[in-house]
Amino acid sequence: MIKKEDLDKLATRLGPIFYIALFIIMAKGITYLIIGATNLVEHSYQLGYSLGSLIENILS
């Protein structure tokens, strides 16, 4: 069985590594979120432009 003191030492040593890994994962997630939002805006703009052109062609 692992002693409580050994477990505390292990937690103390792994703490910074855990926070660094968590920071990297969060940064990657935020990057994917920004890329997804940018792609959504771009596709919405293209769809709006295409729809506007279609309506313009129908009305003219």
N, C-alpha and C. Protein backbone atom coordinates (compact mmCIF):
# COMPACT_ATOMS: atom_id res chain seq x y z
N MET A 1 0.84 -1.18 0.00
CA MET A 1 0.00 0.00 0.00
C MET A 1 0.89 1.25 0.00
N ILE A 2 0.47 2.27 -0.70
CA ILE A 2 1.25 3.51 -0.79
C ILE A 2 1.00 4.34 0.47
N LYS A 3 2.08 4.86 1.01
CA LYS A 3 1.96 5.71 2.20
C LYS A 3 1.44 7.09 1.80
N LYS A 4 0.80 7.73 2.73
CA LYS A 4 0.24 9.06 2.47
C LYS A 4 1.35 10.06 2.16
N GLU A 5 2.50 9.95 2.82
CA GLU A 5 3.61 10.86 2.58
C GLU A 5 4.13 10.72 1.15
N ASP A 6 4.24 9.46 0.69
CA ASP A 6 4.71 9.23 -0.68
C ASP A 6 3.71 9.78 -1.69
N LEU A 7 2.45 9.63 -1.39
CA LEU A 7 1.41 10.14 -2.29
C LEU A 7 1.46 11.67 -2.34
N ASP A 8 1.69 12.30 -1.21
CA ASP A 8 1.82 13.76 -1.17
C ASP A 8 3.03 14.24 -1.96
N LYS A 9 4.16 13.52 -1.84
CA LYS A 9 5.35 13.88 -2.61
C LYS A 9 5.10 13.75 -4.11
N LEU A 10 4.42 12.67 -4.49
CA LEU A 10 4.12 12.46 -5.91
C LEU A 10 3.20 13.56 -6.44
N ALA A 11 2.19 13.91 -5.66
CA ALA A 11 1.27 14.97 -6.07
C ALA A 11 2.00 16.31 -6.19
N THR A 12 2.94 16.56 -5.29
CA THR A 12 3.71 17.80 -5.34
C THR A 12 4.59 17.85 -6.58
N ARG A 13 5.16 16.72 -6.95
CA ARG A 13 6.03 16.68 -8.14
C ARG A 13 5.22 16.75 -9.43
N LEU A 14 4.06 16.12 -9.46
CA LEU A 14 3.28 16.08 -10.70
C LEU A 14 2.37 17.29 -10.88
N GLY A 15 2.22 18.10 -9.84
CA GLY A 15 1.34 19.26 -9.91
C GLY A 15 1.66 20.20 -11.06
N PRO A 16 2.90 20.70 -11.17
CA PRO A 16 3.23 21.61 -12.27
C PRO A 16 3.06 20.97 -13.65
N ILE A 17 3.40 19.70 -13.77
CA ILE A 17 3.24 19.01 -15.05
C ILE A 17 1.76 18.95 -15.43
N PHE A 18 0.92 18.68 -14.43
CA PHE A 18 -0.53 18.63 -14.68
C PHE A 18 -1.04 19.98 -15.17
N TYR A 19 -0.59 21.07 -14.53
CA TYR A 19 -1.06 22.39 -14.92
C TYR A 19 -0.54 22.79 -16.30
N ILE A 20 0.68 22.41 -16.63
CA ILE A 20 1.21 22.70 -17.96
C ILE A 20 0.42 21.94 -19.02
N ALA A 21 0.14 20.66 -18.77
CA ALA A 21 -0.65 19.87 -19.72
C ALA A 21 -2.05 20.45 -19.86
N LEU A 22 -2.65 20.87 -18.77
CA LEU A 22 -3.98 21.46 -18.81
C LEU A 22 -3.96 22.76 -19.62
N PHE A 23 -2.93 23.57 -19.45
CA PHE A 23 -2.80 24.81 -20.21
C PHE A 23 -2.68 24.53 -21.70
N ILE A 24 -1.87 23.53 -22.07
CA ILE A 24 -1.70 23.19 -23.48
C ILE A 24 -3.02 22.71 -24.08
N ILE A 25 -3.74 21.87 -23.35
CA ILE A 25 -5.02 21.36 -23.85
C ILE A 25 -6.02 22.49 -24.01
N MET A 26 -6.06 23.40 -23.04
CA MET A 26 -6.99 24.53 -23.14
C MET A 26 -6.62 25.45 -24.29
N ALA A 27 -5.33 25.70 -24.49
CA ALA A 27 -4.89 26.56 -25.59
C ALA A 27 -5.26 25.95 -26.93
N LYS A 28 -5.07 24.64 -27.05
CA LYS A 28 -5.43 23.95 -28.29
C LYS A 28 -6.93 24.01 -28.53
N GLY A 29 -7.71 23.82 -27.47
CA GLY A 29 -9.17 23.88 -27.59
C GLY A 29 -9.64 25.27 -27.99
N ILE A 30 -9.05 26.30 -27.41
CA ILE A 30 -9.42 27.67 -27.77
C ILE A 30 -9.04 27.96 -29.21
N THR A 31 -7.89 27.45 -29.65
CA THR A 31 -7.48 27.63 -31.04
C THR A 31 -8.48 26.99 -31.99
N TYR A 32 -8.91 25.76 -31.69
CA TYR A 32 -9.90 25.10 -32.54
C TYR A 32 -11.23 25.85 -32.52
N LEU A 33 -11.60 26.42 -31.39
CA LEU A 33 -12.83 27.19 -31.29
C LEU A 33 -12.76 28.44 -32.16
N ILE A 34 -11.63 29.13 -32.14
CA ILE A 34 -11.46 30.33 -32.95
C ILE A 34 -11.46 29.98 -34.43
N ILE A 35 -10.78 28.90 -34.81
CA ILE A 35 -10.77 28.47 -36.21
C ILE A 35 -12.17 28.10 -36.67
N GLY A 36 -12.91 27.39 -35.83
CA GLY A 36 -14.28 27.01 -36.17
C GLY A 36 -15.18 28.21 -36.34
N ALA A 37 -15.05 29.19 -35.45
CA ALA A 37 -15.87 30.40 -35.56
C ALA A 37 -15.52 31.18 -36.82
N THR A 38 -14.24 31.24 -37.14
CA THR A 38 -13.81 31.94 -38.36
C THR A 38 -14.37 31.25 -39.60
N ASN A 39 -14.30 29.93 -39.64
CA ASN A 39 -14.85 29.20 -40.78
C ASN A 39 -16.36 29.38 -40.89
N LEU A 40 -17.04 29.42 -39.76
CA LEU A 40 -18.49 29.63 -39.77
C LEU A 40 -18.84 30.99 -40.35
N VAL A 41 -18.11 32.02 -39.94
CA VAL A 41 -18.35 33.37 -40.46
C VAL A 41 -18.06 33.42 -41.95
N GLU A 42 -16.99 32.79 -42.37
CA GLU A 42 -16.63 32.79 -43.79
C GLU A 42 -17.69 32.09 -44.63
N HIS A 43 -18.16 30.93 -44.17
CA HIS A 43 -19.18 30.22 -44.93
C HIS A 43 -20.51 30.96 -44.92
N SER A 44 -20.83 31.62 -43.83
CA SER A 44 -22.06 32.41 -43.76
C SER A 44 -21.99 33.57 -44.75
N TYR A 45 -20.83 34.20 -44.84
CA TYR A 45 -20.66 35.30 -45.78
C TYR A 45 -20.82 34.81 -47.22
N GLN A 46 -20.19 33.67 -47.54
CA GLN A 46 -20.30 33.12 -48.89
C GLN A 46 -21.73 32.72 -49.21
N LEU A 47 -22.42 32.14 -48.24
CA LEU A 47 -23.81 31.75 -48.45
C LEU A 47 -24.68 32.97 -48.65
N GLY A 48 -24.46 34.02 -47.88
CA GLY A 48 -25.22 35.26 -48.04
C GLY A 48 -24.96 35.89 -49.39
N TYR A 49 -23.72 35.88 -49.84
CA TYR A 49 -23.39 36.44 -51.15
C TYR A 49 -24.07 35.64 -52.25
N SER A 50 -24.03 34.31 -52.15
CA SER A 50 -24.67 33.46 -53.16
C SER A 50 -26.17 33.66 -53.16
N LEU A 51 -26.77 33.75 -52.00
CA LEU A 51 -28.21 33.97 -51.90
C LEU A 51 -28.58 35.33 -52.47
N GLY A 52 -27.78 36.35 -52.19
CA GLY A 52 -28.03 37.68 -52.75
C GLY A 52 -27.93 37.67 -54.26
N SER A 53 -26.95 36.98 -54.80
CA SER A 53 -26.81 36.89 -56.26
C SER A 53 -28.00 36.16 -56.87
N LEU A 54 -28.46 35.10 -56.21
CA LEU A 54 -29.61 34.35 -56.71
C LEU A 54 -30.86 35.22 -56.72
N ILE A 55 -31.10 35.96 -55.65
CA ILE A 55 -32.27 36.84 -55.59
C ILE A 55 -32.16 37.94 -56.64
N GLU A 56 -30.96 38.47 -56.82
CA GLU A 56 -30.75 39.52 -57.82
C GLU A 56 -31.05 38.99 -59.22
N ASN A 57 -30.61 37.76 -59.51
CA ASN A 57 -30.87 37.18 -60.83
C ASN A 57 -32.35 36.88 -61.03
N ILE A 58 -33.04 36.48 -59.98
CA ILE A 58 -34.48 36.19 -60.09
C ILE A 58 -35.26 37.48 -60.34
N LEU A 59 -34.90 38.55 -59.65
CA LEU A 59 -35.65 39.80 -59.75
C LEU A 59 -35.32 40.59 -61.01
N SER A 60 -34.20 40.32 -61.64
CA SER A 60 -33.85 41.11 -62.83
C SER A 60 -34.26 40.42 -64.11
